[in-house]
Amino acid sequence: MRSKVCDTRSDLPTTTKRKVRRQTSRASFSSKDAATNILPEIKGIIDVLKSMQVKIPQVSEVSDYLLAHRDMSCLLPLVCNKLTKLFGEDTLLSLEVYCDPEIHDEYLTLYVRQSEYKERFLDKIDEAMAEFESMLASASGWLLVTTDFHPPK
C-alpha cells in the first residue's frame, strides 16, 4: 500500500499562453485558521497521536488536511497503534503532508523509521496496512505509509 494510482490527466482547461493552477484541498484553510480554529475533534486526534509518540513536524498542515478530510482522522490512531505494535516502541512514526509539485496533489504520509532496517521491512508495512485497505479506499483523503530509510530523530 505504498502508492495510489493517480490519473495525471487534468480536467482543467489549459492554454498555451498561461498555466492553470489547480487549488489543493487545503486552499480554503489559511495557516491562521488552522492555528486558531482547530476543531476540538481534530485537536483531539492530534493530541492522541502525540500521546502515541507520533511525530508531527507541521501540525497546522496535518490539521488542515484533516479538516478537509475528516473521515481520515478516525483511521490514524488505529494505523499508528498497529504499526507501533508490529515494529516496537523504538520505531518512530512521523505524520506529514506531502505536496506533489507536479500535479498539485497532497496526501498524508506516515513515515516508519527505525535505527536498523531489516529485510522485508516494506513487506511488513504492506502486510500491516492490508487490514485497513477497505477503510482507506472509501476515505475522502489518502494515507501513504512508507519509510524514507532515515534513522529516527
Protein backbone atom coordinates (compact mmCIF):
# COMPACT_ATOMS: atom_id res chain seq x y z
CA MET A 1 0.00 0.00 0.00
CA ARG A 2 2.85 2.34 -0.75
CA SER A 3 1.19 4.08 -3.63
CA LYS A 4 -2.16 5.00 -5.04
CA VAL A 5 -2.69 5.07 -8.75
CA CYS A 6 -3.23 8.65 -9.86
CA ASP A 7 -4.56 9.68 -13.21
CA THR A 8 -2.27 12.55 -14.19
CA ARG A 9 -4.60 13.81 -16.89
CA SER A 10 -6.26 17.02 -15.87
CA ASP A 11 -9.83 18.00 -16.48
CA LEU A 12 -8.79 21.65 -16.30
CA PRO A 13 -8.69 23.69 -19.48
CA THR A 14 -5.17 24.65 -20.49
CA THR A 15 -3.92 27.25 -22.86
CA THR A 16 -0.54 27.84 -24.39
CA LYS A 17 -0.41 31.39 -23.00
CA ARG A 18 -0.64 30.60 -19.30
CA LYS A 19 -0.70 27.66 -16.98
CA VAL A 20 -3.77 26.92 -14.93
CA ARG A 21 -3.12 26.00 -11.32
CA ARG A 22 -5.50 23.68 -9.57
CA GLN A 23 -6.28 24.54 -5.99
CA THR A 24 -5.28 21.92 -3.45
CA SER A 25 -7.62 20.59 -0.83
CA ARG A 26 -6.08 22.96 1.76
CA ALA A 27 -6.89 26.02 -0.31
CA SER A 28 -9.87 27.04 1.80
CA PHE A 29 -7.92 26.96 5.06
CA SER A 30 -5.24 29.53 5.85
CA SER A 31 -2.49 28.73 8.34
CA LYS A 32 -4.05 31.32 10.67
CA ASP A 33 -7.35 29.43 10.59
CA ALA A 34 -5.60 26.18 11.39
CA ALA A 35 -3.67 27.70 14.29
CA THR A 36 -6.63 29.44 15.91
CA ASN A 37 -9.73 27.49 14.90
CA ILE A 38 -8.78 23.83 15.02
CA LEU A 39 -11.95 21.92 15.75
CA PRO A 40 -11.92 20.04 19.06
CA GLU A 41 -12.32 16.79 17.11
CA ILE A 42 -9.15 17.44 15.07
CA LYS A 43 -7.23 18.75 18.09
CA GLY A 44 -8.25 15.61 19.97
CA ILE A 45 -6.88 13.37 17.21
CA ILE A 46 -3.62 15.36 17.09
CA ASP A 47 -3.32 15.02 20.89
CA VAL A 48 -3.97 11.27 20.73
CA LEU A 49 -1.32 10.84 18.03
CA LYS A 50 1.20 12.87 20.03
CA SER A 51 0.47 10.77 23.13
CA MET A 52 1.27 7.72 20.99
CA GLN A 53 4.68 9.33 20.30
CA VAL A 54 3.83 10.07 16.66
CA LYS A 55 5.97 12.97 15.45
CA ILE A 56 4.02 15.66 13.58
CA PRO A 57 6.54 18.24 12.31
CA GLN A 58 3.91 20.55 10.76
CA VAL A 59 0.81 20.31 12.95
CA SER A 60 -1.02 23.06 11.06
CA GLU A 61 -0.61 21.26 7.71
CA VAL A 62 -1.85 17.97 9.15
CA SER A 63 -4.74 19.76 10.86
CA ASP A 64 -5.70 21.48 7.61
CA TYR A 65 -5.66 18.15 5.79
CA LEU A 66 -7.81 16.52 8.47
CA LEU A 67 -10.26 19.42 8.34
CA ALA A 68 -10.65 18.81 4.61
CA HIS A 69 -10.80 15.01 5.04
CA ARG A 70 -12.45 14.44 8.41
CA ASP A 71 -13.09 10.76 7.77
CA MET A 72 -9.31 10.18 7.84
CA SER A 73 -8.96 11.27 11.46
CA CYS A 74 -10.52 8.16 12.98
CA LEU A 75 -8.21 5.88 10.97
CA LEU A 76 -4.91 7.44 12.02
CA PRO A 77 -4.80 6.22 15.65
CA LEU A 78 -5.73 2.70 14.52
CA VAL A 79 -2.97 2.63 11.90
CA CYS A 80 -0.37 4.10 14.26
CA ASN A 81 -1.29 1.65 17.01
CA LYS A 82 -0.96 -1.31 14.64
CA LEU A 83 2.44 -0.14 13.36
CA THR A 84 3.76 0.54 16.87
CA LYS A 85 2.73 -2.94 17.99
CA LEU A 86 4.25 -4.53 14.88
CA PHE A 87 7.58 -2.69 14.85
CA GLY A 88 8.05 -1.91 18.55
CA GLU A 89 8.48 1.17 20.69
CA ASP A 90 11.89 2.02 19.18
CA THR A 91 10.22 2.81 15.86
CA LEU A 92 9.47 6.45 15.09
CA LEU A 93 6.28 7.32 13.24
CA SER A 94 6.24 10.72 11.55
CA LEU A 95 2.99 12.07 10.09
CA GLU A 96 3.43 14.66 7.37
CA VAL A 97 1.53 16.15 4.46
CA TYR A 98 3.23 15.51 1.15
CA CYS A 99 2.53 18.11 -1.54
CA ASP A 100 3.26 16.89 -5.04
CA PRO A 101 4.51 19.89 -7.03
CA GLU A 102 3.91 18.32 -10.44
CA ILE A 103 0.22 17.52 -10.21
CA HIS A 104 -0.73 19.83 -7.32
CA ASP A 105 -1.92 16.99 -5.16
CA GLU A 106 -1.42 16.40 -1.46
CA TYR A 107 -1.87 13.49 0.90
CA LEU A 108 -0.87 12.31 4.33
CA THR A 109 2.34 10.34 4.59
CA LEU A 110 3.20 8.29 7.65
CA TYR A 111 6.91 7.53 7.70
CA VAL A 112 8.02 4.46 9.65
CA ARG A 113 11.62 4.98 10.79
CA GLN A 114 13.97 2.62 12.59
CA SER A 115 17.62 2.66 13.59
CA GLU A 116 18.21 -0.54 11.67
CA TYR A 117 16.16 -1.76 8.73
CA LYS A 118 15.76 -5.49 8.35
CA GLU A 119 14.96 -7.47 5.27
CA ARG A 120 11.27 -7.47 4.29
CA PHE A 121 10.70 -4.19 6.15
CA LEU A 122 8.49 -2.76 3.39
CA ASP A 123 6.66 -6.06 3.06
CA LYS A 124 5.79 -5.91 6.77
CA ILE A 125 4.37 -2.41 6.30
CA ASP A 126 2.25 -3.64 3.38
CA GLU A 127 1.01 -6.63 5.39
CA ALA A 128 0.06 -4.40 8.33
CA MET A 129 -1.78 -1.96 6.08
CA ALA A 130 -3.78 -4.70 4.34
CA GLU A 131 -6.14 -4.63 7.32
CA PHE A 132 -7.03 -1.01 6.57
CA GLU A 133 -7.30 -1.18 2.76
CA SER A 134 -11.09 -1.14 2.54
CA MET A 135 -11.43 1.71 5.06
CA LEU A 136 -8.78 3.79 3.30
CA ALA A 137 -10.26 3.07 -0.12
CA SER A 138 -13.57 4.61 0.94
CA ALA A 139 -12.00 7.62 2.69
CA SER A 140 -12.02 11.06 1.07
CA GLY A 141 -8.27 11.52 1.51
CA TRP A 142 -5.26 9.33 1.09
CA LEU A 143 -2.67 7.93 3.50
CA LEU A 144 0.67 6.66 2.28
CA VAL A 145 2.54 4.51 4.81
CA THR A 146 6.16 4.02 3.90
CA THR A 147 9.70 4.74 5.00
CA ASP A 148 12.43 7.02 3.80
CA PHE A 149 15.07 4.81 5.47
CA HIS A 150 16.17 7.68 7.67
CA PRO A 151 17.07 6.95 11.28
CA PRO A 152 14.62 8.10 13.96
CA LYS A 153 15.29 11.71 15.02
